[in-house]
Amino acid sequence: MRLDRTILLSLVFVFIITPTLALDVGPICDCEEIRILSLKSPRMTGSDILELQKELKKLGFYKRELNSTYDWNTYLAVKKFQKANNLSITGVVRQNTWLNLAQSLNKGQEVANKKLEPPKGEVRLLIDAYKKQMIVYSDGEPYHKFPVAVGKPSTKSPIGEWAIIAKDAHWGGGFGVRWMRLNVPWGIYGIHGTNKPGSIGTAASHGCIRMFNRNVRVLYNWVDVGTRVKIIGRRDPIKITHTFRPGQTGKDVLLFQEKLRANGFDPGYTDGRFGDSTKKAMREFKYIYGLKDDLSGDENTFYILNIK
């Protein structure tokens, strides 16, 4: 009985410390808000309404100033669009209206992408959150650029050096087509299509990287699981509150890796994981500075690296 209890406790412990192994059964992402938009009092406001107005304006249904408010003019524009596309004329924006908006904006745009040849070398991606742009590299040389949407100021995209760890070609719903998950240790982030193409070129998501559906289809065929993805941009300040040891993960570990690299020690990818490459860099660092021969990132380490 005692043995069975020990085994059970061990299994529970493994489940708790490795939630991604236990729960990673498919794409799960909360990086995009899907609200039902309608005319009500008080008026609804938000970035999703701004996206709606932009898309309706591009299609010629909304002719007023963009104001991020679901007002009477927006309501009328939605009804006109719904009527023109044989939808239920309700003035209420649900998933079906977003899908039809995306399809209307994408008409005629697939042809240009069919001419794109896949890169022949090793593919890597650089996502520039400043420019809202993705650069595809082939064997280290720029090959093609795609416009993207990145995280809002309140939910920034994860800055760091990541890898694609999962792909799904049949992911739909509010996130458009295609999903490529990144190995960010503190959340679920990925590259995916969107049914809100008006957001492309802006900071609009909850952290994921949005692409036009026509573009994400192309990229999906260019990358494999394991493809490296670097994201650059602004991020919130990171505080160091504890000693680092091998096996730990987090934004603070990523900062620690960046500081090691800046001081001439190679921690591998700055991916927020205190793994083998970071351990090797720590050994070299402690040897050079004559510190205690261990792998612990302590107060002396932080002082030398100018972290605290």
Protein backbone atom coordinates (compact mmCIF):
# COMPACT_ATOMS: atom_id res chain seq x y z
CA MET A 1 0.00 0.00 0.00
CA ARG A 2 2.85 2.35 0.88
CA LEU A 3 4.53 1.60 -2.45
CA ASP A 4 1.34 2.37 -4.37
CA ARG A 5 0.95 5.65 -2.51
CA THR A 6 4.56 6.59 -3.31
CA ILE A 7 4.01 5.88 -7.00
CA LEU A 8 0.80 7.91 -7.01
CA LEU A 9 2.47 10.89 -5.35
CA SER A 10 5.33 10.69 -7.83
CA LEU A 11 2.92 10.77 -10.76
CA VAL A 12 1.10 13.77 -9.30
CA PHE A 13 4.44 15.56 -8.85
CA VAL A 14 5.44 14.90 -12.46
CA PHE A 15 2.05 16.19 -13.66
CA ILE A 16 2.42 19.40 -11.67
CA ILE A 17 5.96 20.27 -12.72
CA THR A 18 5.45 19.31 -16.40
CA PRO A 19 2.06 20.71 -17.36
CA THR A 20 3.02 21.11 -21.00
CA LEU A 21 3.66 17.38 -21.29
CA ALA A 22 0.35 16.54 -19.69
CA LEU A 23 -1.84 19.15 -21.32
CA ASP A 24 -0.26 19.99 -24.68
CA VAL A 25 -2.81 18.12 -26.79
CA GLY A 26 -3.40 20.82 -29.36
CA PRO A 27 -3.22 24.53 -30.05
CA ILE A 28 -4.56 26.58 -27.16
CA CYS A 29 -4.22 30.33 -27.41
CA ASP A 30 -5.85 33.24 -25.66
CA CYS A 31 -3.99 35.92 -27.59
CA GLU A 32 -6.97 37.36 -29.41
CA GLU A 33 -10.20 38.70 -27.96
CA ILE A 34 -13.41 37.70 -29.73
CA ARG A 35 -16.31 39.89 -28.61
CA ILE A 36 -19.81 40.13 -29.99
CA LEU A 37 -20.09 43.74 -31.14
CA SER A 38 -23.42 45.54 -31.23
CA LEU A 39 -25.07 48.92 -30.80
CA LYS A 40 -25.88 49.41 -27.13
CA SER A 41 -25.79 52.01 -24.38
CA PRO A 42 -23.23 52.84 -23.15
CA ARG A 43 -21.42 52.49 -26.48
CA MET A 44 -18.89 49.68 -26.87
CA THR A 45 -15.31 50.80 -27.47
CA GLY A 46 -12.01 49.02 -28.11
CA SER A 47 -9.27 48.03 -30.53
CA ASP A 48 -11.45 45.35 -32.11
CA ILE A 49 -13.99 48.02 -33.12
CA LEU A 50 -11.17 50.09 -34.60
CA GLU A 51 -10.15 47.04 -36.64
CA LEU A 52 -13.76 46.60 -37.74
CA GLN A 53 -14.03 50.23 -38.87
CA LYS A 54 -10.72 49.99 -40.78
CA GLU A 55 -11.86 46.91 -42.66
CA LEU A 56 -15.29 48.34 -43.46
CA LYS A 57 -13.62 51.54 -44.66
CA LYS A 58 -11.27 49.64 -46.98
CA LEU A 59 -14.30 47.93 -48.48
CA GLY A 60 -16.20 51.21 -48.87
CA PHE A 61 -18.94 50.62 -46.33
CA TYR A 62 -17.72 52.98 -43.59
CA LYS A 63 -17.01 56.58 -44.57
CA ARG A 64 -16.64 58.33 -41.21
CA GLU A 65 -13.61 59.03 -39.02
CA LEU A 66 -12.15 56.04 -37.17
CA ASN A 67 -13.09 56.39 -33.50
CA SER A 68 -12.95 52.87 -31.98
CA THR A 69 -16.60 53.23 -30.90
CA TYR A 70 -19.50 51.07 -32.03
CA ASP A 71 -21.75 53.99 -32.78
CA TRP A 72 -24.72 54.50 -35.11
CA ASN A 73 -22.54 54.98 -38.21
CA THR A 74 -20.62 51.79 -37.51
CA TYR A 75 -23.88 49.93 -36.97
CA LEU A 76 -25.23 51.12 -40.34
CA ALA A 77 -21.97 50.21 -42.10
CA VAL A 78 -22.12 46.69 -40.65
CA LYS A 79 -25.71 46.26 -41.85
CA LYS A 80 -24.76 47.43 -45.36
CA PHE A 81 -21.88 44.95 -45.46
CA GLN A 82 -24.09 42.12 -44.21
CA LYS A 83 -26.74 42.90 -46.84
CA ALA A 84 -24.14 43.03 -49.64
CA ASN A 85 -22.78 39.62 -48.60
CA ASN A 86 -26.12 37.85 -48.08
CA LEU A 87 -25.67 37.62 -44.33
CA SER A 88 -28.34 38.07 -41.69
CA ILE A 89 -28.84 41.85 -41.49
CA THR A 90 -28.58 42.30 -37.74
CA GLY A 91 -25.93 44.98 -37.24
CA VAL A 92 -24.32 42.56 -34.77
CA VAL A 93 -20.76 41.43 -35.44
CA ARG A 94 -20.17 37.79 -34.68
CA GLN A 95 -17.63 35.31 -35.99
CA ASN A 96 -19.39 34.91 -39.35
CA THR A 97 -19.17 38.64 -40.09
CA TRP A 98 -15.45 38.67 -39.29
CA LEU A 99 -14.91 35.66 -41.57
CA ASN A 100 -16.71 37.35 -44.46
CA LEU A 101 -14.78 40.59 -43.92
CA ALA A 102 -11.52 38.66 -44.10
CA GLN A 103 -12.60 36.83 -47.24
CA SER A 104 -13.66 40.09 -48.91
CA LEU A 105 -10.33 41.76 -48.13
CA ASN A 106 -8.33 38.74 -49.29
CA LYS A 107 -10.00 38.42 -52.69
CA GLY A 108 -7.42 38.60 -55.45
CA GLN A 109 -4.48 38.53 -53.05
CA GLU A 110 -3.65 34.81 -53.23
CA VAL A 111 -2.36 35.04 -56.80
CA ALA A 112 0.78 37.01 -55.94
CA ASN A 113 1.78 34.50 -53.26
CA LYS A 114 1.55 31.57 -55.65
CA LYS A 115 4.58 33.00 -57.44
CA LEU A 116 6.74 32.78 -54.32
CA GLU A 117 9.25 29.93 -54.47
CA PRO A 118 10.17 28.23 -51.17
CA PRO A 119 13.60 29.24 -49.84
CA LYS A 120 16.23 26.62 -50.62
CA GLY A 121 18.47 27.16 -47.59
CA GLU A 122 17.98 26.86 -43.83
CA VAL A 123 15.04 29.03 -42.82
CA ARG A 124 15.08 31.35 -39.83
CA LEU A 125 12.61 34.06 -38.89
CA LEU A 126 13.18 37.51 -37.44
CA ILE A 127 10.10 39.31 -36.14
CA ASP A 128 10.64 43.03 -35.65
CA ALA A 129 7.98 44.31 -33.26
CA TYR A 130 9.14 47.89 -33.89
CA LYS A 131 8.44 47.70 -37.63
CA LYS A 132 5.60 45.13 -37.36
CA GLN A 133 7.46 43.01 -39.87
CA MET A 134 8.70 39.43 -40.29
CA ILE A 135 11.90 38.79 -42.23
CA VAL A 136 12.42 35.27 -43.55
CA TYR A 137 16.11 34.33 -43.83
CA SER A 138 17.51 31.57 -46.02
CA ASP A 139 21.03 30.45 -45.06
CA GLY A 140 21.50 33.74 -43.22
CA GLU A 141 20.42 35.97 -46.10
CA PRO A 142 17.13 37.96 -46.18
CA TYR A 143 14.71 36.14 -48.50
CA HIS A 144 11.25 37.67 -48.03
CA LYS A 145 9.31 40.05 -45.78
CA PHE A 146 5.78 39.75 -44.43
CA PRO A 147 3.77 42.37 -42.52
CA VAL A 148 2.54 41.19 -39.11
CA ALA A 149 0.61 42.32 -36.07
CA VAL A 150 2.30 41.99 -32.69
CA GLY A 151 1.27 42.22 -29.06
CA LYS A 152 -0.41 45.31 -27.64
CA PRO A 153 1.61 47.50 -25.21
CA SER A 154 -0.24 45.81 -22.33
CA THR A 155 0.39 42.29 -23.69
CA LYS A 156 3.68 42.51 -25.58
CA SER A 157 5.01 39.73 -27.78
CA PRO A 158 7.76 37.70 -26.06
CA ILE A 159 11.19 39.12 -26.84
CA GLY A 160 13.79 36.38 -27.20
CA GLU A 161 15.10 33.54 -29.34
CA TRP A 162 12.57 30.78 -29.80
CA ALA A 163 11.84 27.69 -31.86
CA ILE A 164 8.68 26.39 -33.51
CA ILE A 165 7.60 23.33 -31.53
CA ALA A 166 4.21 22.49 -33.09
CA LYS A 167 2.27 23.12 -36.29
CA ASP A 168 -1.43 22.79 -37.09
CA ALA A 169 -2.73 23.20 -40.64
CA HIS A 170 -6.41 22.91 -39.75
CA TRP A 171 -6.74 25.47 -37.01
CA GLY A 172 -9.61 27.87 -37.67
CA GLY A 173 -12.06 29.97 -35.71
CA GLY A 174 -11.12 33.50 -34.73
CA PHE A 175 -7.45 32.98 -35.40
CA GLY A 176 -7.63 32.40 -39.13
CA VAL A 177 -5.76 29.52 -40.73
CA ARG A 178 -2.51 27.82 -39.66
CA TRP A 179 -0.85 27.78 -36.24
CA MET A 180 2.84 27.52 -35.33
CA ARG A 181 3.57 27.38 -31.61
CA LEU A 182 6.74 28.85 -30.08
CA ASN A 183 8.61 27.35 -27.11
CA VAL A 184 8.11 30.32 -24.79
CA PRO A 185 8.25 28.91 -21.23
CA TRP A 186 5.91 31.40 -19.53
CA GLY A 187 2.87 31.24 -21.82
CA ILE A 188 1.32 29.96 -25.03
CA TYR A 189 2.42 32.07 -27.98
CA GLY A 190 2.51 31.37 -31.67
CA ILE A 191 2.37 32.61 -35.25
CA HIS A 192 -1.05 32.33 -36.83
CA GLY A 193 -3.48 33.76 -39.35
CA THR A 194 -6.26 36.13 -38.44
CA ASN A 195 -9.81 36.94 -39.41
CA LYS A 196 -9.08 40.55 -38.52
CA PRO A 197 -6.70 41.54 -41.33
CA GLY A 198 -7.19 45.21 -40.46
CA SER A 199 -4.94 44.63 -37.45
CA ILE A 200 -1.90 43.70 -39.55
CA GLY A 201 0.80 46.34 -39.23
CA THR A 202 -0.29 47.29 -35.70
CA ALA A 203 0.23 46.22 -32.09
CA ALA A 204 -3.12 44.49 -31.58
CA SER A 205 -2.79 40.93 -30.22
CA HIS A 206 -2.40 39.45 -26.75
CA GLY A 207 1.19 38.54 -27.65
CA CYS A 208 0.96 36.21 -30.64
CA ILE A 209 2.17 37.11 -34.11
CA ARG A 210 -0.71 37.58 -36.56
CA MET A 211 -0.33 37.29 -40.32
CA PHE A 212 -2.65 37.66 -43.27
CA ASN A 213 -4.19 34.25 -43.93
CA ARG A 214 -2.78 34.29 -47.46
CA ASN A 215 0.73 34.84 -46.05
CA VAL A 216 0.61 32.40 -43.16
CA ARG A 217 -0.31 29.62 -45.61
CA VAL A 218 2.91 30.33 -47.49
CA LEU A 219 5.06 30.56 -44.37
CA TYR A 220 3.60 27.34 -42.97
CA ASN A 221 5.06 25.41 -45.92
CA TRP A 222 8.46 27.07 -45.51
CA VAL A 223 9.10 26.22 -41.87
CA ASP A 224 9.51 22.99 -39.92
CA VAL A 225 9.25 22.08 -36.28
CA GLY A 226 12.59 23.30 -34.92
CA THR A 227 12.81 26.42 -37.10
CA ARG A 228 14.36 29.25 -35.08
CA VAL A 229 12.36 32.45 -34.50
CA LYS A 230 13.86 35.62 -33.01
CA ILE A 231 11.59 38.41 -31.78
CA ILE A 232 12.96 41.89 -31.11
CA GLY A 233 11.12 44.86 -29.64
CA ARG A 234 10.27 46.68 -26.44
CA ARG A 235 9.54 44.75 -23.29
CA ASP A 236 8.59 45.50 -19.73
CA PRO A 237 11.40 45.77 -17.12
CA ILE A 238 12.47 42.43 -15.66
CA LYS A 239 13.31 42.11 -11.98
CA ILE A 240 15.71 39.54 -10.55
CA THR A 241 14.37 38.33 -7.20
CA HIS A 242 16.16 35.04 -6.56
CA THR A 243 19.26 32.94 -7.21
CA PHE A 244 19.37 31.02 -10.50
CA ARG A 245 20.03 27.30 -10.78
CA PRO A 246 20.01 24.82 -13.68
CA GLY A 247 16.56 23.75 -14.76
CA GLN A 248 14.85 27.03 -13.97
CA THR A 249 12.87 28.97 -16.58
CA GLY A 250 11.38 32.44 -16.93
CA LYS A 251 11.82 35.99 -18.16
CA ASP A 252 14.45 36.60 -15.49
CA VAL A 253 16.50 33.66 -16.79
CA LEU A 254 16.28 35.18 -20.27
CA LEU A 255 17.67 38.48 -18.95
CA PHE A 256 20.44 36.53 -17.22
CA GLN A 257 21.31 34.83 -20.52
CA GLU A 258 21.40 38.17 -22.32
CA LYS A 259 23.80 39.59 -19.72
CA LEU A 260 26.08 36.56 -20.00
CA ARG A 261 26.21 36.99 -23.77
CA ALA A 262 26.86 40.73 -23.50
CA ASN A 263 29.88 39.93 -21.30
CA GLY A 264 31.38 37.46 -23.77
CA PHE A 265 29.92 34.17 -22.51
CA ASP A 266 27.72 32.07 -24.80
CA PRO A 267 24.55 30.84 -23.05
CA GLY A 268 23.08 29.41 -26.26
CA TYR A 269 19.70 30.78 -27.28
CA THR A 270 18.17 33.41 -25.03
CA ASP A 271 15.08 31.30 -24.49
CA GLY A 272 14.53 31.68 -20.75
CA ARG A 273 15.77 28.15 -19.99
CA PHE A 274 18.76 27.42 -17.75
CA GLY A 275 19.90 24.44 -19.82
CA ASP A 276 23.20 22.88 -20.88
CA SER A 277 24.49 25.84 -22.90
CA THR A 278 23.78 28.27 -20.07
CA LYS A 279 25.47 25.89 -17.60
CA LYS A 280 28.57 25.86 -19.81
CA ALA A 281 28.60 29.66 -19.93
CA MET A 282 28.26 29.79 -16.12
CA ARG A 283 31.24 27.48 -15.63
CA GLU A 284 33.40 29.69 -17.84
CA PHE A 285 32.12 32.85 -16.16
CA LYS A 286 32.84 31.61 -12.63
CA TYR A 287 36.26 30.30 -13.63
CA ILE A 288 37.28 33.61 -15.24
CA TYR A 289 36.16 35.68 -12.24
CA GLY A 290 37.44 33.26 -9.60
CA LEU A 291 34.03 32.66 -8.07
CA LYS A 292 32.78 29.57 -6.27
CA ASP A 293 32.91 26.56 -8.59
CA ASP A 294 29.19 25.95 -8.91
CA LEU A 295 26.42 26.74 -11.38
CA SER A 296 24.47 29.08 -9.15
CA GLY A 297 23.66 32.60 -10.33
CA ASP A 298 24.04 34.49 -7.05
CA GLU A 299 24.53 38.05 -5.79
CA ASN A 300 28.21 38.11 -6.85
CA THR A 301 27.22 36.97 -10.32
CA PHE A 302 24.51 39.62 -10.59
CA TYR A 303 26.90 42.34 -9.42
CA ILE A 304 29.55 41.49 -12.03
CA LEU A 305 26.95 41.23 -14.79
CA ASN A 306 25.38 44.54 -13.66
CA ILE A 307 21.96 42.97 -13.28
CA LYS A 308 21.17 44.45 -9.86
